[in-house]
N, C-alpha and C. Protein backbone atom coordinates (compact mmCIF):
# COMPACT_ATOMS: atom_id res chain seq x y z
N MET A 1 0.75 -1.33 0.06
CA MET A 1 -0.16 -0.17 0.17
C MET A 1 0.83 1.43 -0.04
N GLU A 2 1.96 1.28 0.55
CA GLU A 2 2.84 2.15 0.79
C GLU A 2 3.49 2.72 -0.61
N THR A 3 3.58 1.91 -1.24
CA THR A 3 4.20 2.16 -2.63
C THR A 3 3.29 2.70 -3.73
N LEU A 4 1.84 2.78 -3.38
CA LEU A 4 0.79 3.33 -4.25
C LEU A 4 0.44 4.69 -3.86
N SER A 5 0.29 5.39 -5.01
CA SER A 5 -0.20 6.83 -4.90
C SER A 5 -1.53 7.06 -4.34
N ASP A 6 -1.80 8.27 -3.73
CA ASP A 6 -3.39 8.35 -3.06
C ASP A 6 -4.32 8.17 -4.02
N ALA A 7 -4.18 8.50 -5.39
CA ALA A 7 -5.23 8.37 -6.38
C ALA A 7 -5.53 6.95 -6.45
N GLU A 8 -4.23 6.03 -6.70
CA GLU A 8 -4.39 4.71 -6.63
C GLU A 8 -5.29 4.01 -5.56
N VAL A 9 -5.16 4.33 -4.22
CA VAL A 9 -5.69 3.91 -3.09
C VAL A 9 -7.08 4.07 -2.98
N LEU A 10 -7.25 5.56 -3.52
CA LEU A 10 -8.78 6.04 -3.52
C LEU A 10 -9.57 5.13 -4.44
N ALA A 11 -8.94 5.02 -5.52
CA ALA A 11 -9.74 4.11 -6.86
C ALA A 11 -10.03 3.04 -6.04
N THR A 12 -9.04 2.44 -5.41
CA THR A 12 -9.43 0.79 -4.98
C THR A 12 -10.52 0.92 -3.75
N MET A 13 -10.16 1.70 -2.79
CA MET A 13 -11.00 2.00 -1.78
C MET A 13 -12.65 2.16 -2.27
N THR A 14 -12.61 2.87 -3.45
CA THR A 14 -13.95 3.30 -4.05
C THR A 14 -14.46 2.04 -4.50
N ARG A 15 -13.66 1.30 -5.59
CA ARG A 15 -14.12 0.12 -5.96
C ARG A 15 -14.64 -0.97 -4.94
N LEU A 16 -13.99 -1.08 -3.83
CA LEU A 16 -14.23 -2.13 -2.67
C LEU A 16 -15.50 -1.65 -1.92
N LEU A 17 -15.51 -0.49 -1.59
CA LEU A 17 -16.58 0.13 -0.93
C LEU A 17 -18.17 -0.06 -1.64
N ARG A 18 -17.90 0.15 -2.89
CA ARG A 18 -19.06 0.14 -3.98
C ARG A 18 -19.39 -1.39 -3.93
N THR A 19 -18.44 -2.60 -3.82
CA THR A 19 -18.68 -3.90 -4.10
C THR A 19 -19.29 -4.35 -2.65
N LEU A 20 -18.69 -3.95 -1.69
CA LEU A 20 -19.16 -4.40 -0.31
C LEU A 20 -20.43 -3.86 0.02
N THR A 21 -20.83 -2.49 -0.47
CA THR A 21 -22.16 -2.16 -0.04
C THR A 21 -23.46 -2.50 -1.35
N GLY A 22 -22.90 -2.94 -2.33
CA GLY A 22 -23.63 -3.28 -3.43
C GLY A 22 -24.34 -2.08 -4.09
N ASN A 23 -23.92 -0.77 -3.80
CA ASN A 23 -24.22 0.45 -4.18
C ASN A 23 -23.29 0.83 -5.45
N PRO A 24 -23.44 0.69 -6.77
CA PRO A 24 -22.40 1.00 -7.64
C PRO A 24 -22.08 2.73 -7.81
N ARG A 25 -23.06 3.58 -7.09
CA ARG A 25 -23.08 4.96 -7.30
C ARG A 25 -22.51 5.45 -5.96
N LEU A 26 -22.33 4.79 -5.03
CA LEU A 26 -21.76 5.23 -3.79
C LEU A 26 -20.60 6.47 -4.03
N PRO A 27 -20.72 7.51 -3.69
CA PRO A 27 -19.73 8.57 -3.82
C PRO A 27 -18.48 7.88 -3.43
N ALA A 28 -17.44 8.53 -4.36
CA ALA A 28 -15.94 8.24 -3.91
C ALA A 28 -15.44 8.95 -2.79
N PRO A 29 -14.64 8.56 -1.93
CA PRO A 29 -14.04 9.32 -0.78
C PRO A 29 -13.29 10.42 -1.30
N ARG A 30 -13.27 11.62 -0.80
CA ARG A 30 -12.73 13.01 -1.17
C ARG A 30 -11.27 12.78 -0.95
N ASN A 31 -10.97 11.99 0.07
CA ASN A 31 -9.48 12.25 0.39
C ASN A 31 -8.99 10.81 1.21
N VAL A 32 -7.70 10.59 1.16
CA VAL A 32 -7.43 9.59 2.07
C VAL A 32 -6.08 10.02 2.96
N LEU A 33 -6.30 9.59 4.03
CA LEU A 33 -5.24 9.80 5.23
C LEU A 33 -4.77 8.35 5.63
N ARG A 34 -3.34 8.09 5.46
CA ARG A 34 -2.96 6.71 5.79
C ARG A 34 -1.64 7.06 6.48
N SER A 35 -1.05 6.10 7.20
CA SER A 35 0.15 5.93 7.81
C SER A 35 1.26 5.30 6.94
N ARG A 36 2.32 5.43 7.00
CA ARG A 36 3.17 4.88 6.34
C ARG A 36 4.55 4.61 7.18
N TRP A 37 3.76 3.49 7.97
CA TRP A 37 4.82 2.86 9.25
C TRP A 37 5.90 2.05 8.73
N HIS A 38 5.60 1.39 7.71
CA HIS A 38 6.94 0.60 7.17
C HIS A 38 8.12 1.41 6.64
N SER A 39 7.56 2.32 6.11
CA SER A 39 8.65 3.28 5.55
C SER A 39 9.21 4.37 6.54
N ALA A 40 8.49 4.78 7.47
CA ALA A 40 8.99 5.76 8.30
C ALA A 40 10.25 5.47 8.96
N PRO A 41 11.18 6.34 8.81
CA PRO A 41 12.69 6.04 9.37
C PRO A 41 12.61 5.63 10.82
N HIS A 42 11.84 6.23 11.67
CA HIS A 42 11.91 5.78 13.20
C HIS A 42 10.87 4.70 13.50
N THR A 43 10.22 4.25 12.87
CA THR A 43 9.43 3.17 13.01
C THR A 43 9.78 1.62 12.14
N ARG A 44 9.99 1.78 11.03
CA ARG A 44 10.04 0.80 10.12
C ARG A 44 9.05 -0.24 10.58
N GLY A 45 7.87 -0.13 10.75
CA GLY A 45 6.72 -0.99 10.81
C GLY A 45 6.82 -1.64 12.24
N SER A 46 7.21 -0.89 13.24
CA SER A 46 7.52 -1.33 14.56
C SER A 46 6.00 -1.38 15.31
N TYR A 47 5.88 -2.57 16.49
CA TYR A 47 4.83 -2.69 17.03
C TYR A 47 5.29 -3.24 18.39
N SER A 48 4.24 -3.01 19.34
CA SER A 48 4.77 -3.62 20.69
C SER A 48 4.59 -5.06 20.63
N TYR A 49 5.41 -5.60 21.80
CA TYR A 49 5.45 -6.90 22.17
C TYR A 49 6.02 -7.25 23.34
N VAL A 50 5.86 -8.16 23.98
CA VAL A 50 6.44 -8.45 25.52
C VAL A 50 8.01 -9.11 25.57
N ALA A 51 8.66 -8.57 25.55
CA ALA A 51 10.26 -8.68 25.51
C ALA A 51 10.46 -9.91 26.50
N VAL A 52 11.63 -10.77 26.37
CA VAL A 52 11.77 -11.67 27.05
C VAL A 52 12.07 -11.33 28.63
N GLY A 53 11.71 -11.83 29.67
CA GLY A 53 11.64 -11.32 30.92
C GLY A 53 10.94 -10.33 31.32
N SER A 54 9.84 -9.87 30.45
CA SER A 54 8.74 -8.90 30.87
C SER A 54 7.39 -9.67 30.99
N SER A 55 6.53 -9.21 31.54
CA SER A 55 5.15 -9.76 31.64
C SER A 55 4.05 -8.99 31.62
N GLY A 56 3.01 -9.25 31.68
CA GLY A 56 1.85 -8.42 31.53
C GLY A 56 1.61 -7.19 32.47
N ASP A 57 2.26 -7.66 33.65
CA ASP A 57 2.33 -6.54 34.74
C ASP A 57 3.04 -5.36 34.11
N ASP A 58 4.06 -5.63 33.20
CA ASP A 58 4.73 -4.36 32.78
C ASP A 58 3.85 -3.37 31.68
N ILE A 59 3.01 -4.28 31.00
CA ILE A 59 2.05 -3.68 30.38
C ILE A 59 0.84 -2.92 30.97
N ASP A 60 0.69 -3.49 32.08
CA ASP A 60 -0.41 -2.81 33.04
C ASP A 60 0.42 -1.51 33.45
N ALA A 61 1.59 -1.55 33.83
CA ALA A 61 2.60 -0.27 34.53
C ALA A 61 2.55 0.71 33.28
N LEU A 62 2.73 0.46 32.18
CA LEU A 62 2.64 1.40 31.19
C LEU A 62 1.37 2.17 30.96
N ALA A 63 0.00 1.40 31.36
CA ALA A 63 -0.97 1.98 31.45
C ALA A 63 -1.75 2.86 32.44
N GLN A 64 -0.66 2.94 33.47
CA GLN A 64 -0.88 3.69 34.75
C GLN A 64 -1.04 5.13 34.56
N PRO A 65 -1.98 5.96 35.06
CA PRO A 65 -2.05 7.43 34.52
C PRO A 65 -0.96 8.07 35.72
N LEU A 66 -0.71 9.32 35.44
CA LEU A 66 0.25 9.97 36.12
C LEU A 66 -0.37 11.22 36.69
N PRO A 67 -0.25 11.68 37.84
CA PRO A 67 0.27 10.95 39.00
C PRO A 67 -0.36 9.89 39.43
N GLU A 68 0.24 8.62 39.61
CA GLU A 68 -0.52 7.30 40.12
C GLU A 68 -0.64 7.11 41.56
N ASP A 69 -0.11 7.88 42.33
CA ASP A 69 -0.35 8.18 43.79
C ASP A 69 -1.97 8.47 44.05
N LEU A 70 -2.57 7.40 44.71
CA LEU A 70 -3.87 7.87 45.04
C LEU A 70 -3.84 8.95 46.14
N GLU A 71 -2.95 9.06 46.96
CA GLU A 71 -2.98 10.15 47.84
C GLU A 71 -2.68 11.60 47.49
N ASP A 72 -1.94 11.61 46.25
CA ASP A 72 -1.67 12.76 45.56
C ASP A 72 -2.88 13.86 45.42
N PRO A 73 -2.97 14.92 45.84
CA PRO A 73 -4.27 15.77 45.52
C PRO A 73 -4.59 16.04 44.34
N ARG A 74 -3.11 16.16 43.49
CA ARG A 74 -3.32 16.70 42.11
C ARG A 74 -4.23 15.83 41.16
N PRO A 75 -5.07 16.30 40.42
CA PRO A 75 -5.85 15.52 39.41
C PRO A 75 -4.77 14.62 38.59
N LEU A 76 -5.42 13.95 37.74
CA LEU A 76 -4.74 13.09 36.54
C LEU A 76 -4.35 14.28 35.67
N GLN A 77 -2.67 13.75 35.29
CA GLN A 77 -2.41 14.87 34.51
C GLN A 77 -1.89 14.27 33.19
N LEU A 78 -1.55 12.77 33.22
CA LEU A 78 -1.19 12.18 32.00
C LEU A 78 -1.75 10.86 31.70
N LEU A 79 -2.34 10.59 30.72
CA LEU A 79 -3.16 9.23 30.50
C LEU A 79 -2.54 8.47 29.60
N PHE A 80 -2.31 7.17 29.62
CA PHE A 80 -1.76 6.58 28.42
C PHE A 80 -2.70 5.60 27.58
N ALA A 81 -2.93 5.55 26.57
CA ALA A 81 -3.60 4.83 25.83
C ALA A 81 -2.82 4.21 24.44
N GLY A 82 -3.25 3.18 23.82
CA GLY A 82 -2.47 2.61 22.90
C GLY A 82 -2.50 1.08 22.87
N GLU A 83 -1.95 0.58 21.69
CA GLU A 83 -1.91 -0.86 21.60
C GLU A 83 -0.80 -1.70 22.82
N ALA A 84 -0.01 -0.76 22.83
CA ALA A 84 1.15 -1.14 24.23
C ALA A 84 0.72 -1.17 25.37
N THR A 85 -0.46 -0.58 25.63
CA THR A 85 -1.08 -0.62 27.07
C THR A 85 -2.10 -1.40 27.34
N HIS A 86 -2.51 -2.28 26.36
CA HIS A 86 -3.55 -3.20 26.58
C HIS A 86 -2.98 -4.85 27.03
N ARG A 87 -3.30 -5.10 28.16
CA ARG A 87 -2.88 -6.42 28.33
C ARG A 87 -2.94 -7.71 27.56
N THR A 88 -4.17 -7.83 27.05
CA THR A 88 -4.86 -8.97 26.30
C THR A 88 -4.51 -8.60 25.05
N PHE A 89 -4.82 -7.50 24.50
CA PHE A 89 -4.86 -7.25 23.21
C PHE A 89 -3.64 -6.22 22.50
N TYR A 90 -2.23 -6.48 23.36
CA TYR A 90 -1.14 -5.60 23.12
C TYR A 90 -0.82 -5.79 21.53
N SER A 91 -0.33 -4.87 20.71
CA SER A 91 0.43 -4.92 19.38
C SER A 91 -0.77 -5.31 18.28
N THR A 92 -2.17 -4.90 18.91
CA THR A 92 -3.21 -4.82 17.98
C THR A 92 -3.94 -3.58 17.66
N THR A 93 -4.61 -3.28 16.66
CA THR A 93 -5.40 -2.27 16.41
C THR A 93 -6.70 -2.46 17.34
N HIS A 94 -7.23 -3.55 17.84
CA HIS A 94 -8.10 -3.89 19.03
C HIS A 94 -7.71 -3.30 20.08
N GLY A 95 -6.63 -3.56 20.54
CA GLY A 95 -5.88 -3.13 21.88
C GLY A 95 -5.99 -1.71 21.98
N ALA A 96 -5.44 -0.93 20.89
CA ALA A 96 -5.40 0.42 20.69
C ALA A 96 -6.80 0.85 21.03
N LEU A 97 -7.84 0.47 20.41
CA LEU A 97 -9.12 0.90 20.50
C LEU A 97 -9.70 0.68 21.97
N LEU A 98 -9.49 -0.24 22.43
CA LEU A 98 -9.88 -0.90 23.73
C LEU A 98 -9.38 0.41 24.65
N SER A 99 -7.81 0.50 24.58
CA SER A 99 -7.33 1.39 25.67
C SER A 99 -7.59 2.74 25.55
N GLY A 100 -8.05 3.23 24.36
CA GLY A 100 -8.67 4.52 23.99
C GLY A 100 -9.86 4.60 25.10
N TRP A 101 -10.69 3.55 24.88
CA TRP A 101 -12.01 3.74 25.37
C TRP A 101 -11.93 3.74 26.87
N ARG A 102 -10.88 2.82 27.45
CA ARG A 102 -10.35 2.85 28.79
C ARG A 102 -10.31 4.20 29.43
N GLU A 103 -9.53 4.89 28.62
CA GLU A 103 -8.96 6.18 29.31
C GLU A 103 -10.02 7.14 28.98
N ALA A 104 -10.85 7.11 28.08
CA ALA A 104 -12.19 8.20 28.01
C ALA A 104 -13.03 7.86 29.07
N GLU A 105 -13.11 6.68 29.47
CA GLU A 105 -13.89 6.15 30.69
C GLU A 105 -13.28 6.62 31.99
N ARG A 106 -11.96 6.64 32.06
CA ARG A 106 -11.49 7.22 33.21
C ARG A 106 -11.52 8.65 33.40
N LEU A 107 -11.43 9.33 32.36
CA LEU A 107 -12.04 10.69 32.42
C LEU A 107 -13.46 10.93 32.62
N ASN A 108 -14.39 10.17 32.31
CA ASN A 108 -15.54 10.42 32.28
C ASN A 108 -15.86 10.21 33.89
N ARG A 109 -15.22 9.30 34.52
CA ARG A 109 -15.54 9.17 35.82
C ARG A 109 -14.78 10.22 36.83
N LEU A 110 -13.61 10.85 36.39
CA LEU A 110 -12.93 11.85 37.07
C LEU A 110 -13.83 13.14 36.96
N PHE A 111 -14.43 13.28 35.99
CA PHE A 111 -14.95 14.61 35.70
C PHE A 111 -16.72 14.76 35.65
N GLN A 112 -17.23 13.42 36.16
CA GLN A 112 -18.59 13.32 36.39
C GLN A 112 -19.04 14.04 37.40
N ALA A 113 -19.90 15.10 37.08
CA ALA A 113 -20.48 15.96 38.29
C ALA A 113 -21.51 15.21 38.90
N PRO A 114 -21.65 15.38 40.29
CA PRO A 114 -22.65 14.91 40.96
C PRO A 114 -23.99 15.10 40.17
N GLY A 115 -25.05 14.10 40.08
CA GLY A 115 -26.17 14.59 39.69
C GLY A 115 -27.16 14.61 40.59
N PRO A 116 -28.49 15.12 40.29
CA PRO A 116 -29.56 14.94 41.34
C PRO A 116 -29.82 13.76 41.63
N ALA A 117 -30.27 13.16 43.02
CA ALA A 117 -30.90 11.72 43.28
C ALA A 117 -31.90 11.53 42.38
N PRO A 118 -31.89 10.29 41.93
CA PRO A 118 -32.91 9.98 40.78
C PRO A 118 -34.44 9.58 41.54
N GLN A 119 -35.19 10.08 40.68
CA GLN A 119 -36.57 10.01 41.20
C GLN A 119 -37.20 8.57 41.11
N LEU A 120 -37.68 8.08 42.28
CA LEU A 120 -38.17 6.77 42.34
C LEU A 120 -39.79 6.63 42.47
């Protein structure tokens, strides 16, 4: 994919989307935004993995927000999401998505204003 032009990728995407949706008149996407992980000089297609001597505990440690001390009166200042922070689905897109949801939920809990008592 990285060797193709944006025009070639858009044409292929359009053909596939039209085939999958069964709509031959589905408008073509206006643009494409894609990564080039394989050819990027600092990544070369990298992904996370659990190194020899490491464990899932290390992945959990990467996911801890800062400051992590529950006695610290400061609010959370830095949250970590991404495929390298999901213990079960590390190195996958699924893990990246789930870890983003995890951190969004953490923010929801942190900033949740107390609401009125439910009416029974």
